[in-house]
Amino acid sequence: MLNAGKHRFQLSPEDHRRLEELRAERPARSVRESRLTTGETVADLVAETVGSWRFIIFQTVVLGIWIALNLVGFARHWDPYPFILLNLVLSFQAAYAAPIIMMSQNRQSEIDRRRAQHDYRINIKAELEIELLHSKIDALREQEILRLLNIIQRLSAHLAPDLVAAIEAEAVQRCTSSA
């Protein structure tokens, strides 16, 4: 019979160490979302607001009203045709919105990078565990085959001893003639 320990799948020492580290980790249980700073909260809020259809529609309506009021002249022309003040306001908005949105995107990309790294570690753990399961199944299959061969030999010896002797003699003859 095969010794189950003898046919154990052998991981490299590095893979074995990595698997033990990954088994010890419980990231889903220990994940603590860090508190956002005021700046991060504001950056996320600005990015969420500026990146919404509601903001785009609202800004389009305000710009249309601004231009219409200055062209038609119902009110005093505070920003005549080249709309220099409007350009200044939009430039001011873009100058502040762009870096704030970038801060939010950078923070989100860091979160995504950490998640991808976590997923990679889980995939490595799964791969190593699957390799171990394959080796255990192979060892069990080998043990089962040996057990079945042993049963077949015992049945053959019991039922037809002359036939078994002839088959064994033929196998020995083949081995000696091929050598």
Protein backbone atom coordinates (compact mmCIF):
# COMPACT_ATOMS: atom_id res chain seq x y z
CA MET A 1 0.00 0.00 0.00
CA LEU A 2 1.04 3.51 -0.59
CA ASN A 3 1.89 5.73 2.29
CA ALA A 4 -0.28 8.83 2.04
CA GLY A 5 2.49 11.00 3.43
CA LYS A 6 4.93 9.68 0.85
CA HIS A 7 2.92 11.01 -2.09
CA ARG A 8 2.20 14.41 -0.66
CA PHE A 9 2.51 17.24 -3.11
CA GLN A 10 5.68 19.15 -2.42
CA LEU A 11 5.45 22.92 -2.71
CA SER A 12 8.63 24.87 -2.94
CA PRO A 13 9.64 26.39 0.40
CA GLU A 14 8.73 29.84 -0.91
CA ASP A 15 5.28 28.67 -2.06
CA HIS A 16 4.71 26.86 1.23
CA ARG A 17 5.65 30.00 3.19
CA ARG A 18 3.43 32.15 0.99
CA LEU A 19 0.50 29.74 1.39
CA GLU A 20 0.88 29.75 5.18
CA GLU A 21 0.95 33.57 5.20
CA LEU A 22 -2.12 33.74 2.98
CA ARG A 23 -3.97 31.20 5.15
CA ALA A 24 -3.20 33.30 8.22
CA GLU A 25 -4.58 36.46 6.63
CA ARG A 26 -8.19 37.33 7.16
CA PRO A 27 -8.42 40.61 5.21
CA ALA A 28 -12.19 40.55 4.86
CA ARG A 29 -12.52 40.48 8.64
CA SER A 30 -9.83 43.03 9.35
CA VAL A 31 -10.61 45.61 6.68
CA ARG A 32 -11.07 48.95 8.35
CA GLU A 33 -11.91 51.87 6.19
CA SER A 34 -9.73 54.71 7.27
CA ARG A 35 -11.43 57.92 8.21
CA LEU A 36 -11.45 60.42 5.39
CA THR A 37 -9.92 63.78 6.04
CA THR A 38 -11.96 66.89 5.45
CA GLY A 39 -10.06 67.55 2.22
CA GLU A 40 -10.73 64.03 0.93
CA THR A 41 -14.41 64.33 1.80
CA VAL A 42 -14.66 67.70 0.02
CA ALA A 43 -12.75 66.34 -3.00
CA ASP A 44 -15.11 63.36 -3.27
CA LEU A 45 -18.15 65.59 -2.92
CA VAL A 46 -16.90 68.05 -5.56
CA ALA A 47 -16.00 65.21 -7.96
CA GLU A 48 -19.37 63.59 -7.42
CA THR A 49 -21.22 66.88 -7.95
CA VAL A 50 -19.25 68.19 -10.93
CA GLY A 51 -19.37 64.79 -12.59
CA SER A 52 -23.17 64.53 -12.50
CA TRP A 53 -25.74 65.25 -15.18
CA ARG A 54 -27.61 67.43 -12.71
CA PHE A 55 -24.60 69.76 -12.45
CA ILE A 56 -24.07 69.83 -16.22
CA ILE A 57 -27.71 70.69 -16.87
CA PHE A 58 -27.75 73.29 -14.07
CA GLN A 59 -24.57 74.93 -15.36
CA THR A 60 -25.90 74.95 -18.94
CA VAL A 61 -29.10 76.65 -17.79
CA VAL A 62 -27.17 79.26 -15.74
CA LEU A 63 -24.81 79.98 -18.66
CA GLY A 64 -27.75 80.29 -21.05
CA ILE A 65 -29.51 82.73 -18.71
CA TRP A 66 -26.26 84.72 -18.22
CA ILE A 67 -25.73 85.05 -21.96
CA ALA A 68 -29.39 85.81 -22.71
CA LEU A 69 -29.63 88.52 -20.05
CA ASN A 70 -26.47 90.19 -21.33
CA LEU A 71 -27.50 90.02 -24.99
CA VAL A 72 -31.13 91.07 -24.64
CA GLY A 73 -30.42 93.80 -22.13
CA PHE A 74 -33.39 93.51 -19.78
CA ALA A 75 -30.95 94.01 -16.99
CA ARG A 76 -27.97 96.27 -16.96
CA HIS A 77 -25.21 94.76 -19.16
CA TRP A 78 -22.80 93.67 -16.44
CA ASP A 79 -20.89 91.46 -18.91
CA PRO A 80 -21.18 92.68 -22.51
CA TYR A 81 -20.71 90.51 -25.59
CA PRO A 82 -17.21 89.04 -25.36
CA PHE A 83 -18.37 87.82 -21.91
CA ILE A 84 -15.04 88.46 -20.22
CA LEU A 85 -16.51 88.08 -16.72
CA LEU A 86 -18.13 84.77 -17.71
CA ASN A 87 -14.77 83.54 -19.05
CA LEU A 88 -13.14 84.58 -15.78
CA VAL A 89 -15.76 82.73 -13.71
CA LEU A 90 -15.48 79.56 -15.82
CA SER A 91 -11.67 79.70 -15.72
CA PHE A 92 -11.80 80.12 -11.95
CA GLN A 93 -14.16 77.14 -11.68
CA ALA A 94 -11.93 74.97 -13.90
CA ALA A 95 -8.77 76.02 -12.06
CA TYR A 96 -10.16 74.79 -8.76
CA ALA A 97 -12.31 71.88 -9.92
CA ALA A 98 -9.59 70.07 -11.91
CA PRO A 99 -7.09 69.58 -9.05
CA ILE A 100 -9.85 68.69 -6.61
CA ILE A 101 -11.19 66.06 -9.00
CA MET A 102 -7.65 64.74 -9.50
CA MET A 103 -7.23 64.37 -5.73
CA SER A 104 -10.40 62.31 -5.60
CA GLN A 105 -9.30 60.19 -8.57
CA ASN A 106 -5.86 59.59 -7.05
CA ARG A 107 -7.41 58.42 -3.81
CA GLN A 108 -9.83 56.18 -5.68
CA SER A 109 -7.01 54.70 -7.78
CA GLU A 110 -5.11 53.89 -4.57
CA ILE A 111 -8.18 52.10 -3.24
CA ASP A 112 -8.50 50.22 -6.54
CA ARG A 113 -4.80 49.29 -6.44
CA ARG A 114 -5.19 47.87 -2.91
CA ARG A 115 -8.26 45.90 -3.99
CA ALA A 116 -6.44 44.52 -7.02
CA GLN A 117 -3.50 43.52 -4.83
CA HIS A 118 -5.89 41.80 -2.41
CA ASP A 119 -7.57 39.97 -5.31
CA TYR A 120 -4.16 38.87 -6.59
CA ARG A 121 -3.23 37.45 -3.19
CA ILE A 122 -6.54 35.59 -3.01
CA ASN A 123 -5.94 34.17 -6.50
CA ILE A 124 -2.45 32.98 -5.51
CA LYS A 125 -3.86 31.33 -2.39
CA ALA A 126 -6.59 29.63 -4.43
CA GLU A 127 -4.05 28.39 -6.98
CA LEU A 128 -1.82 26.89 -4.29
CA GLU A 129 -4.77 25.30 -2.51
CA ILE A 130 -6.01 23.80 -5.80
CA GLU A 131 -2.56 22.35 -6.51
CA LEU A 132 -2.59 20.71 -3.08
CA LEU A 133 -6.08 19.32 -3.67
CA HIS A 134 -5.01 17.90 -7.04
CA SER A 135 -2.06 16.15 -5.43
CA LYS A 136 -4.27 14.70 -2.70
CA ILE A 137 -6.76 13.42 -5.27
CA ASP A 138 -3.91 11.90 -7.30
CA ALA A 139 -2.55 10.18 -4.18
CA LEU A 140 -6.01 8.81 -3.36
CA ARG A 141 -6.42 7.60 -6.95
CA GLU A 142 -3.04 5.81 -6.80
CA GLN A 143 -3.98 4.18 -3.51
CA GLU A 144 -7.30 3.04 -4.99
CA ILE A 145 -5.58 1.61 -8.08
CA LEU A 146 -3.07 -0.30 -5.92
CA ARG A 147 -5.88 -1.62 -3.76
CA LEU A 148 -7.80 -2.77 -6.84
CA LEU A 149 -4.67 -4.40 -8.31
CA ASN A 150 -4.10 -6.22 -5.05
CA ILE A 151 -7.71 -7.48 -5.07
CA ILE A 152 -7.38 -8.58 -8.71
CA GLN A 153 -4.14 -10.47 -7.94
CA ARG A 154 -5.71 -12.24 -4.98
CA LEU A 155 -8.79 -13.17 -6.99
CA SER A 156 -6.65 -14.33 -9.91
CA ALA A 157 -4.44 -16.42 -7.66
CA HIS A 158 -7.48 -17.97 -6.04
CA LEU A 159 -9.45 -18.66 -9.22
CA ALA A 160 -6.78 -19.64 -11.76
CA PRO A 161 -3.34 -20.35 -10.25
CA ASP A 162 -2.10 -21.99 -13.47
CA LEU A 163 -3.12 -18.99 -15.57
CA VAL A 164 -1.39 -16.59 -13.19
CA ALA A 165 1.82 -18.62 -13.31
CA ALA A 166 1.76 -18.59 -17.13
CA ILE A 167 1.19 -14.82 -17.26
CA GLU A 168 3.98 -14.19 -14.76
CA ALA A 169 6.36 -16.46 -16.71
CA GLU A 170 5.53 -14.62 -19.92
CA ALA A 171 6.17 -11.24 -18.23
CA VAL A 172 9.53 -12.45 -16.91
CA GLN A 173 10.44 -13.75 -20.35
CA ARG A 174 9.61 -10.37 -21.93
CA CYS A 175 11.73 -8.55 -19.37
CA THR A 176 14.75 -10.80 -19.93
CA SER A 177 14.47 -10.70 -23.74
CA SER A 178 14.22 -6.90 -23.84
CA ALA A 179 17.26 -6.47 -21.59
